[in-house]
Amino acid sequence: MLESEEDEAQATGRLVDRATGETVGLIYQWSDGLMQPYWFSGARDNVAVVGLDVVQRKSG
């Protein structure tokens, strides 16, 4: 089964541990607007969300 663009999410932010400055996850936004965290090694409490410069892909 092929994935469609409707099934894709785009990373919009980094989850950064406030104590260490380490990126511990990403925030993804789905096509319906839902935002969801993706943790690399389990959820953390003391994090900041740092926005990403999102580059649009050109189709064609």
N, C-alpha and C. Protein backbone atom coordinates (compact mmCIF):
# COMPACT_ATOMS: atom_id res chain seq x y z
N MET A 1 0.85 -1.18 0.00
CA MET A 1 0.00 0.00 0.00
C MET A 1 0.89 1.24 0.00
N LEU A 2 0.62 2.14 -0.89
CA LEU A 2 1.38 3.38 -0.96
C LEU A 2 0.81 4.40 0.00
N GLU A 3 1.70 5.18 0.60
CA GLU A 3 1.24 6.24 1.49
C GLU A 3 0.87 7.46 0.67
N SER A 4 -0.16 8.16 1.10
CA SER A 4 -0.55 9.39 0.44
C SER A 4 -0.10 10.57 1.29
N GLU A 5 -0.16 11.76 0.74
CA GLU A 5 0.22 12.95 1.50
C GLU A 5 -0.67 13.13 2.72
N GLU A 6 -1.90 12.60 2.69
CA GLU A 6 -2.80 12.72 3.83
C GLU A 6 -2.27 11.96 5.04
N ASP A 7 -1.42 10.96 4.81
CA ASP A 7 -0.87 10.15 5.89
C ASP A 7 0.44 10.70 6.44
N GLU A 8 0.91 11.81 5.91
CA GLU A 8 2.20 12.32 6.29
C GLU A 8 2.10 13.45 7.31
N ALA A 9 3.11 13.52 8.15
CA ALA A 9 3.24 14.61 9.11
C ALA A 9 4.56 15.32 8.82
N GLN A 10 4.63 16.57 9.23
CA GLN A 10 5.83 17.36 9.01
C GLN A 10 6.39 17.80 10.36
N ALA A 11 7.70 17.63 10.56
CA ALA A 11 8.33 18.08 11.79
C ALA A 11 8.28 19.61 11.83
N THR A 12 7.79 20.16 12.93
CA THR A 12 7.67 21.61 13.06
C THR A 12 8.45 22.16 14.24
N GLY A 13 8.94 21.29 15.12
CA GLY A 13 9.69 21.77 16.28
C GLY A 13 10.54 20.68 16.90
N ARG A 14 11.56 21.12 17.65
CA ARG A 14 12.41 20.20 18.40
C ARG A 14 12.04 20.27 19.88
N LEU A 15 12.05 19.14 20.54
CA LEU A 15 11.86 19.07 21.99
C LEU A 15 13.26 19.05 22.60
N VAL A 16 13.60 20.09 23.35
CA VAL A 16 14.95 20.25 23.88
C VAL A 16 14.92 20.18 25.40
N ASP A 17 15.75 19.31 25.96
CA ASP A 17 15.88 19.19 27.41
C ASP A 17 16.46 20.49 27.95
N ARG A 18 15.75 21.13 28.87
CA ARG A 18 16.18 22.43 29.40
C ARG A 18 17.48 22.33 30.19
N ALA A 19 17.74 21.21 30.82
CA ALA A 19 18.94 21.06 31.65
C ALA A 19 20.20 20.81 30.82
N THR A 20 20.06 20.03 29.74
CA THR A 20 21.24 19.62 28.98
C THR A 20 21.36 20.29 27.62
N GLY A 21 20.25 20.82 27.11
CA GLY A 21 20.25 21.39 25.76
C GLY A 21 20.18 20.34 24.66
N GLU A 22 20.02 19.09 25.05
CA GLU A 22 19.96 17.98 24.10
C GLU A 22 18.58 17.91 23.45
N THR A 23 18.55 17.67 22.14
CA THR A 23 17.28 17.42 21.45
C THR A 23 16.81 16.02 21.82
N VAL A 24 15.64 15.93 22.45
CA VAL A 24 15.13 14.64 22.95
C VAL A 24 13.90 14.17 22.19
N GLY A 25 13.46 14.95 21.21
CA GLY A 25 12.30 14.56 20.42
C GLY A 25 11.95 15.64 19.41
N LEU A 26 10.89 15.37 18.68
CA LEU A 26 10.39 16.30 17.67
C LEU A 26 8.89 16.47 17.82
N ILE A 27 8.38 17.60 17.38
CA ILE A 27 6.94 17.83 17.29
C ILE A 27 6.55 17.69 15.82
N TYR A 28 5.56 16.87 15.55
CA TYR A 28 5.06 16.70 14.18
C TYR A 28 3.66 17.27 14.07
N GLN A 29 3.37 17.85 12.92
CA GLN A 29 2.02 18.34 12.64
C GLN A 29 1.47 17.57 11.45
N TRP A 30 0.29 16.99 11.67
CA TRP A 30 -0.38 16.21 10.63
C TRP A 30 -1.19 17.14 9.73
N SER A 31 -1.61 16.64 8.60
CA SER A 31 -2.35 17.45 7.62
C SER A 31 -3.67 17.98 8.17
N ASP A 32 -4.23 17.32 9.20
CA ASP A 32 -5.48 17.80 9.80
C ASP A 32 -5.23 18.82 10.91
N GLY A 33 -3.95 19.19 11.15
CA GLY A 33 -3.61 20.20 12.15
C GLY A 33 -3.20 19.62 13.50
N LEU A 34 -3.45 18.32 13.72
CA LEU A 34 -3.08 17.69 14.98
C LEU A 34 -1.57 17.72 15.16
N MET A 35 -1.12 18.13 16.36
CA MET A 35 0.31 18.14 16.65
C MET A 35 0.61 17.01 17.63
N GLN A 36 1.73 16.32 17.40
CA GLN A 36 2.04 15.12 18.17
C GLN A 36 3.54 15.07 18.44
N PRO A 37 3.93 14.78 19.71
CA PRO A 37 5.36 14.64 19.99
C PRO A 37 5.88 13.26 19.59
N TYR A 38 7.14 13.23 19.18
CA TYR A 38 7.85 11.97 18.96
C TYR A 38 9.10 12.03 19.84
N TRP A 39 9.15 11.18 20.85
CA TRP A 39 10.26 11.16 21.80
C TRP A 39 11.28 10.13 21.35
N PHE A 40 12.56 10.50 21.38
CA PHE A 40 13.62 9.57 20.98
C PHE A 40 13.80 8.44 21.99
N SER A 41 13.75 8.76 23.28
CA SER A 41 13.98 7.74 24.32
C SER A 41 13.04 7.95 25.51
N GLY A 42 11.77 8.09 25.24
CA GLY A 42 10.79 8.27 26.31
C GLY A 42 10.51 9.74 26.61
N ALA A 43 9.29 10.01 27.05
CA ALA A 43 8.85 11.38 27.33
C ALA A 43 9.65 11.99 28.47
N ARG A 44 9.85 13.29 28.39
CA ARG A 44 10.53 14.06 29.44
C ARG A 44 9.62 15.19 29.89
N ASP A 45 9.84 15.68 31.10
CA ASP A 45 9.01 16.76 31.65
C ASP A 45 9.56 18.15 31.40
N ASN A 46 10.84 18.33 31.58
CA ASN A 46 11.45 19.66 31.56
C ASN A 46 12.03 19.97 30.18
N VAL A 47 11.14 20.25 29.22
CA VAL A 47 11.59 20.50 27.84
C VAL A 47 11.06 21.83 27.33
N ALA A 48 11.74 22.34 26.34
CA ALA A 48 11.30 23.52 25.61
C ALA A 48 11.08 23.11 24.16
N VAL A 49 10.13 23.76 23.51
CA VAL A 49 9.89 23.50 22.10
C VAL A 49 10.57 24.60 21.30
N VAL A 50 11.46 24.20 20.41
CA VAL A 50 12.20 25.13 19.56
C VAL A 50 11.70 24.94 18.13
N GLY A 51 11.20 26.00 17.53
CA GLY A 51 10.65 25.91 16.18
C GLY A 51 11.70 25.58 15.14
N LEU A 52 11.28 24.94 14.08
CA LEU A 52 12.14 24.63 12.96
C LEU A 52 11.82 25.57 11.81
N ASP A 53 12.81 25.89 11.02
CA ASP A 53 12.55 26.62 9.77
C ASP A 53 12.09 25.58 8.77
N VAL A 54 10.81 25.62 8.44
CA VAL A 54 10.22 24.60 7.57
C VAL A 54 10.40 25.04 6.12
N VAL A 55 10.97 24.13 5.33
CA VAL A 55 11.18 24.37 3.91
C VAL A 55 10.14 23.58 3.14
N GLN A 56 9.37 24.26 2.31
CA GLN A 56 8.35 23.59 1.50
C GLN A 56 9.00 22.88 0.32
N ARG A 57 8.61 21.65 0.09
CA ARG A 57 9.08 20.92 -1.08
C ARG A 57 8.25 21.28 -2.29
N LYS A 58 8.92 21.48 -3.42
CA LYS A 58 8.20 21.76 -4.65
C LYS A 58 7.92 20.45 -5.34
N SER A 59 6.68 20.27 -5.76
CA SER A 59 6.34 19.05 -6.48
C SER A 59 6.53 19.31 -7.97
N GLY A 60 6.87 18.23 -8.66
CA GLY A 60 6.99 18.38 -10.10
C GLY A 60 8.23 17.92 -10.67
